[in-house]
N, C-alpha and C. Protein backbone atom coordinates (compact mmCIF):
# COMPACT_ATOMS: atom_id res chain seq x y z
N MET A 1 17.87 -302.70 -63.99
CA MET A 1 16.30 -302.76 -63.30
C MET A 1 15.95 -301.09 -63.85
N ASN A 2 14.52 -301.06 -64.58
CA ASN A 2 13.99 -299.92 -65.28
C ASN A 2 13.13 -299.67 -64.47
N THR A 3 12.79 -298.49 -64.16
CA THR A 3 11.76 -297.83 -63.36
C THR A 3 11.33 -296.64 -64.02
N GLU A 4 9.84 -296.77 -64.37
CA GLU A 4 9.02 -296.16 -65.20
C GLU A 4 8.19 -295.26 -64.19
N PHE A 5 7.79 -293.80 -64.43
CA PHE A 5 6.63 -293.67 -63.75
C PHE A 5 5.82 -293.08 -64.81
N ILE A 6 4.18 -293.51 -63.95
CA ILE A 6 3.43 -293.15 -64.96
C ILE A 6 2.50 -292.23 -64.23
N ASP A 7 2.44 -291.06 -65.36
CA ASP A 7 1.96 -289.96 -64.78
C ASP A 7 -0.04 -289.87 -64.88
N ASP A 8 -0.24 -290.52 -66.02
CA ASP A 8 -1.42 -290.55 -66.04
C ASP A 8 -2.77 -291.49 -65.44
N ILE A 9 -2.33 -291.53 -64.43
CA ILE A 9 -3.10 -292.48 -63.50
C ILE A 9 -4.35 -291.91 -63.16
N GLN A 10 -5.52 -292.58 -63.48
CA GLN A 10 -6.64 -292.23 -62.91
C GLN A 10 -7.20 -292.54 -62.11
N ILE A 11 -7.81 -292.30 -61.02
CA ILE A 11 -8.35 -292.66 -59.39
C ILE A 11 -10.19 -292.74 -59.77
N ASP A 12 -10.88 -293.39 -59.86
CA ASP A 12 -12.00 -293.46 -60.14
C ASP A 12 -13.15 -293.02 -58.96
N GLU A 13 -12.29 -293.79 -57.60
CA GLU A 13 -12.81 -293.73 -56.15
C GLU A 13 -12.53 -292.38 -55.72
N LYS A 14 -13.28 -291.85 -54.73
CA LYS A 14 -13.19 -290.90 -54.24
C LYS A 14 -13.39 -291.03 -52.62
N ILE A 15 -12.34 -290.60 -52.15
CA ILE A 15 -12.63 -291.02 -50.65
C ILE A 15 -13.44 -290.03 -50.06
N LYS A 16 -14.07 -290.31 -49.00
CA LYS A 16 -15.06 -289.15 -48.20
C LYS A 16 -14.75 -289.22 -47.03
N LYS A 17 -14.31 -287.96 -46.53
CA LYS A 17 -13.85 -288.43 -44.69
C LYS A 17 -15.15 -287.86 -44.22
N VAL A 18 -15.35 -288.23 -43.26
CA VAL A 18 -16.50 -288.29 -42.44
C VAL A 18 -15.78 -288.21 -40.78
N SER A 19 -16.01 -287.06 -40.05
CA SER A 19 -15.52 -287.28 -38.81
C SER A 19 -17.11 -286.59 -38.10
N HIS A 20 -16.48 -287.14 -36.78
CA HIS A 20 -17.93 -287.03 -35.70
C HIS A 20 -17.20 -286.52 -34.56
N GLU A 21 -18.25 -285.86 -33.98
CA GLU A 21 -17.83 -285.11 -32.64
C GLU A 21 -17.58 -286.51 -31.61
N PRO A 22 -16.93 -286.18 -30.83
CA PRO A 22 -16.63 -287.45 -29.66
C PRO A 22 -17.87 -287.65 -29.03
N ILE A 23 -18.42 -288.66 -28.30
CA ILE A 23 -19.84 -288.55 -27.59
C ILE A 23 -19.01 -287.91 -26.31
N LYS A 24 -20.10 -287.14 -25.64
CA LYS A 24 -19.88 -286.35 -24.40
C LYS A 24 -20.22 -287.32 -23.28
N TYR A 25 -19.85 -287.13 -21.78
CA TYR A 25 -20.44 -287.90 -21.11
C TYR A 25 -20.45 -287.07 -19.93
N LYS A 26 -21.66 -287.24 -18.95
CA LYS A 26 -21.85 -286.23 -17.73
C LYS A 26 -21.17 -287.03 -16.51
N VAL A 27 -20.67 -286.31 -15.82
CA VAL A 27 -20.10 -286.98 -14.49
C VAL A 27 -20.85 -286.80 -13.59
N VAL A 28 -21.82 -287.31 -12.97
CA VAL A 28 -22.59 -286.98 -11.85
C VAL A 28 -22.46 -287.57 -10.36
N LEU A 29 -22.55 -286.67 -9.71
CA LEU A 29 -22.49 -287.07 -8.06
C LEU A 29 -23.51 -287.24 -7.21
N LEU A 30 -23.60 -288.27 -6.60
CA LEU A 30 -25.06 -288.61 -5.99
C LEU A 30 -24.72 -288.38 -4.77
N ASN A 31 -25.83 -288.22 -4.17
CA ASN A 31 -26.00 -287.44 -2.61
C ASN A 31 -25.96 -289.09 -1.84
N ASP A 32 -25.38 -288.49 -0.68
CA ASP A 32 -25.60 -289.64 0.25
C ASP A 32 -25.55 -289.35 1.69
N ASP A 33 -25.45 -289.78 2.85
CA ASP A 33 -25.79 -289.25 4.32
C ASP A 33 -24.30 -289.15 5.34
N GLN A 34 -23.32 -289.68 4.37
CA GLN A 34 -22.12 -289.80 5.06
C GLN A 34 -21.27 -288.78 4.72
N THR A 35 -21.17 -288.39 3.22
CA THR A 35 -20.43 -287.63 2.86
C THR A 35 -20.27 -286.07 3.20
N PRO A 36 -19.53 -285.47 3.94
CA PRO A 36 -19.78 -284.46 4.30
C PRO A 36 -19.46 -283.20 3.43
N VAL A 37 -20.46 -282.08 3.06
CA VAL A 37 -20.54 -280.91 2.22
C VAL A 37 -19.31 -280.33 1.67
N ASP A 38 -18.33 -280.17 2.81
CA ASP A 38 -16.83 -279.73 2.69
C ASP A 38 -16.04 -280.60 1.81
N TRP A 39 -16.10 -281.68 1.81
CA TRP A 39 -15.73 -282.61 1.02
C TRP A 39 -16.26 -282.57 -0.42
N VAL A 40 -17.28 -282.65 -0.67
CA VAL A 40 -18.03 -282.45 -2.15
C VAL A 40 -17.54 -281.30 -2.84
N VAL A 41 -17.57 -280.32 -2.11
CA VAL A 41 -16.75 -278.96 -2.46
C VAL A 41 -15.38 -278.95 -2.67
N LYS A 42 -14.45 -279.62 -1.87
CA LYS A 42 -13.15 -280.14 -2.35
C LYS A 42 -12.91 -280.66 -3.61
N VAL A 43 -14.02 -281.73 -3.88
CA VAL A 43 -13.78 -282.68 -5.01
C VAL A 43 -13.98 -281.78 -6.13
N LEU A 44 -14.88 -280.75 -5.92
CA LEU A 44 -15.57 -280.21 -6.95
C LEU A 44 -14.51 -279.07 -7.67
N THR A 45 -14.00 -278.48 -6.55
CA THR A 45 -12.78 -277.48 -6.67
C THR A 45 -11.72 -278.11 -7.09
N GLN A 46 -10.99 -279.03 -6.73
CA GLN A 46 -9.63 -279.91 -7.08
C GLN A 46 -9.68 -280.66 -7.97
N ILE A 47 -10.77 -281.51 -8.00
CA ILE A 47 -10.61 -282.22 -9.24
C ILE A 47 -11.18 -282.23 -10.49
N PHE A 48 -12.46 -281.37 -10.35
CA PHE A 48 -13.36 -280.72 -11.33
C PHE A 48 -13.37 -279.31 -11.87
N LYS A 49 -12.27 -278.59 -10.97
CA LYS A 49 -11.65 -277.50 -11.49
C LYS A 49 -12.78 -276.05 -11.28
N HIS A 50 -13.71 -276.51 -10.35
CA HIS A 50 -14.90 -275.50 -10.09
C HIS A 50 -14.39 -274.51 -9.67
N THR A 51 -14.83 -273.10 -9.34
CA THR A 51 -14.63 -272.37 -8.39
C THR A 51 -15.36 -272.79 -7.16
N ASN A 52 -15.08 -272.14 -6.08
CA ASN A 52 -15.49 -272.10 -4.76
C ASN A 52 -17.01 -271.86 -4.79
N GLU A 53 -17.47 -270.86 -5.82
CA GLU A 53 -19.08 -270.70 -5.84
C GLU A 53 -19.91 -271.62 -6.43
N THR A 54 -19.45 -271.70 -7.51
CA THR A 54 -19.93 -272.79 -8.30
C THR A 54 -20.12 -274.43 -8.15
N ALA A 55 -18.81 -274.84 -6.99
CA ALA A 55 -18.73 -275.88 -6.29
C ALA A 55 -20.02 -276.16 -5.28
N GLU A 56 -19.87 -274.99 -4.68
CA GLU A 56 -21.26 -274.39 -3.75
C GLU A 56 -22.60 -274.86 -4.17
N LYS A 57 -22.67 -274.18 -5.31
CA LYS A 57 -24.01 -274.20 -6.29
C LYS A 57 -24.35 -275.92 -6.44
N ILE A 58 -23.59 -276.62 -7.08
CA ILE A 58 -23.28 -277.86 -7.42
C ILE A 58 -23.74 -278.74 -6.21
N THR A 59 -23.01 -278.78 -5.16
CA THR A 59 -23.18 -279.43 -4.08
C THR A 59 -24.74 -279.40 -3.55
N LEU A 60 -25.01 -277.84 -3.32
CA LEU A 60 -26.61 -277.76 -2.94
C LEU A 60 -27.49 -278.50 -3.92
N THR A 61 -27.24 -278.43 -5.09
CA THR A 61 -28.12 -279.34 -6.03
C THR A 61 -28.14 -280.66 -5.74
N ILE A 62 -26.98 -281.12 -5.33
CA ILE A 62 -26.47 -282.63 -5.08
C ILE A 62 -27.54 -282.93 -3.64
N HIS A 63 -27.27 -282.16 -2.82
CA HIS A 63 -28.35 -282.42 -1.47
C HIS A 63 -29.63 -282.43 -1.66
N THR A 64 -30.22 -281.27 -2.73
CA THR A 64 -31.42 -281.46 -2.67
C THR A 64 -32.28 -281.97 -3.44
N GLU A 65 -31.62 -282.42 -4.78
CA GLU A 65 -32.11 -283.07 -5.82
C GLU A 65 -32.09 -284.56 -5.93
N GLY A 66 -30.67 -285.00 -4.95
CA GLY A 66 -30.22 -286.06 -4.92
C GLY A 66 -28.95 -286.58 -5.87
N SER A 67 -28.83 -285.44 -7.12
CA SER A 67 -27.42 -285.51 -8.06
C SER A 67 -27.12 -284.39 -8.75
N GLY A 68 -26.24 -284.21 -9.00
CA GLY A 68 -25.48 -283.27 -9.81
C GLY A 68 -24.16 -283.53 -10.39
N VAL A 69 -24.37 -282.57 -11.64
CA VAL A 69 -23.59 -282.79 -12.92
C VAL A 69 -22.36 -282.26 -12.22
N ALA A 70 -21.01 -282.77 -12.48
CA ALA A 70 -19.74 -282.04 -11.94
C ALA A 70 -19.34 -281.70 -13.04
N GLY A 71 -19.16 -281.95 -14.14
CA GLY A 71 -18.81 -281.63 -15.44
C GLY A 71 -19.35 -282.86 -16.70
N ILE A 72 -19.30 -282.05 -17.69
CA ILE A 72 -19.60 -282.93 -18.97
C ILE A 72 -18.26 -283.11 -20.12
N TYR A 73 -17.64 -284.07 -20.21
CA TYR A 73 -16.26 -284.42 -20.89
C TYR A 73 -16.25 -286.00 -21.91
N THR A 74 -15.55 -286.00 -22.81
CA THR A 74 -15.32 -286.94 -23.41
C THR A 74 -15.06 -287.96 -22.37
N PHE A 75 -15.27 -289.06 -22.96
CA PHE A 75 -15.26 -290.82 -22.03
C PHE A 75 -13.92 -290.87 -21.02
N GLU A 76 -12.95 -290.54 -22.18
CA GLU A 76 -11.26 -290.93 -21.34
C GLU A 76 -11.25 -290.09 -19.98
N ILE A 77 -11.72 -288.88 -20.01
CA ILE A 77 -11.32 -287.66 -19.58
C ILE A 77 -12.70 -288.03 -17.86
N ALA A 78 -13.78 -288.10 -18.40
CA ALA A 78 -14.92 -288.28 -17.70
C ALA A 78 -14.57 -289.59 -16.69
N GLU A 79 -14.01 -290.65 -17.47
CA GLU A 79 -13.71 -291.82 -16.75
C GLU A 79 -12.78 -291.30 -15.80
N GLN A 80 -11.84 -291.10 -15.94
CA GLN A 80 -10.32 -290.40 -15.44
C GLN A 80 -10.92 -289.65 -14.14
N LYS A 81 -11.50 -288.62 -13.87
CA LYS A 81 -12.23 -287.63 -13.18
C LYS A 81 -12.70 -288.71 -11.76
N SER A 82 -13.74 -289.05 -12.66
CA SER A 82 -14.47 -290.07 -11.65
C SER A 82 -13.64 -290.94 -10.49
N ILE A 83 -12.75 -291.56 -11.63
CA ILE A 83 -11.91 -292.72 -10.49
C ILE A 83 -11.04 -291.84 -9.89
N GLU A 84 -10.45 -291.16 -10.07
CA GLU A 84 -9.80 -289.75 -9.18
C GLU A 84 -10.83 -289.36 -8.09
N ALA A 85 -11.67 -289.02 -8.26
CA ALA A 85 -12.64 -288.84 -7.19
C ALA A 85 -13.08 -289.77 -6.41
N THR A 86 -13.20 -290.96 -6.60
CA THR A 86 -13.53 -292.03 -5.88
C THR A 86 -12.59 -292.33 -5.36
N THR A 87 -11.34 -292.41 -5.65
CA THR A 87 -10.27 -292.87 -5.19
C THR A 87 -10.00 -292.15 -4.10
N ALA A 88 -9.98 -290.63 -3.80
CA ALA A 88 -9.65 -289.65 -3.07
C ALA A 88 -10.82 -289.85 -1.97
N SER A 89 -12.34 -289.98 -2.04
CA SER A 89 -13.27 -290.05 -1.20
C SER A 89 -12.99 -291.41 -0.40
N ARG A 90 -12.59 -292.59 -0.85
CA ARG A 90 -12.65 -293.96 -0.41
C ARG A 90 -11.47 -293.69 0.55
N ASN A 91 -10.00 -292.97 -0.31
CA ASN A 91 -8.91 -292.78 0.63
C ASN A 91 -9.13 -291.96 2.43
N HIS A 92 -10.29 -290.95 2.13
CA HIS A 92 -10.54 -290.34 3.41
C HIS A 92 -11.50 -291.03 3.95
N GLY A 93 -12.45 -292.17 3.60
CA GLY A 93 -13.33 -292.94 4.52
C GLY A 93 -14.86 -292.21 3.86
N PHE A 94 -14.95 -292.13 2.68
CA PHE A 94 -16.45 -291.53 2.38
C PHE A 94 -16.62 -292.07 1.19
N PRO A 95 -18.07 -292.54 1.35
CA PRO A 95 -18.73 -293.34 0.09
C PRO A 95 -19.28 -292.54 -0.92
N LEU A 96 -18.76 -291.41 -1.46
CA LEU A 96 -19.11 -290.70 -2.54
C LEU A 96 -19.23 -291.52 -3.55
N GLN A 97 -20.84 -291.74 -4.16
CA GLN A 97 -20.78 -292.26 -5.48
C GLN A 97 -20.52 -291.37 -6.64
N ILE A 98 -20.22 -291.90 -7.62
CA ILE A 98 -20.22 -291.28 -9.03
C ILE A 98 -20.47 -292.25 -10.30
N LYS A 99 -21.49 -291.61 -11.31
CA LYS A 99 -21.77 -292.17 -12.00
C LYS A 99 -21.60 -291.59 -13.37
N LEU A 100 -21.20 -292.12 -14.51
CA LEU A 100 -21.24 -291.55 -15.84
C LEU A 100 -22.63 -291.79 -16.45
N GLU A 101 -22.98 -290.63 -17.43
CA GLU A 101 -24.30 -290.57 -18.47
C GLU A 101 -23.70 -290.18 -19.29
N GLU A 102 -24.65 -290.98 -20.63
CA GLU A 102 -24.16 -290.17 -21.74
C GLU A 102 -25.00 -289.27 -22.33
N GLU A 103 -24.66 -288.04 -22.72
CA GLU A 103 -25.31 -286.76 -22.95
C GLU A 103 -26.56 -286.86 -23.95
């Protein structure tokens, strides 16, 4: 068995690396008449990791404008956080609605 190495191989193609930033998604909490303000603040602080002050500001925005952005993430993280918040809300008997919007 004879193995020869070829040192003078020339590649005519050039591989172009293209990388893109992943698309970001906004997690939007919607206002409703049954979910208490304290619960929304708790969701924002525990699941979305906001400070108490920013959670209260977002909650006020949700109440006055009908919706508010809890955070902006890649799709997988946004989906996971929205599922976690929805599940916790349902387990406590609250109909908190959450949607994802492409940024």
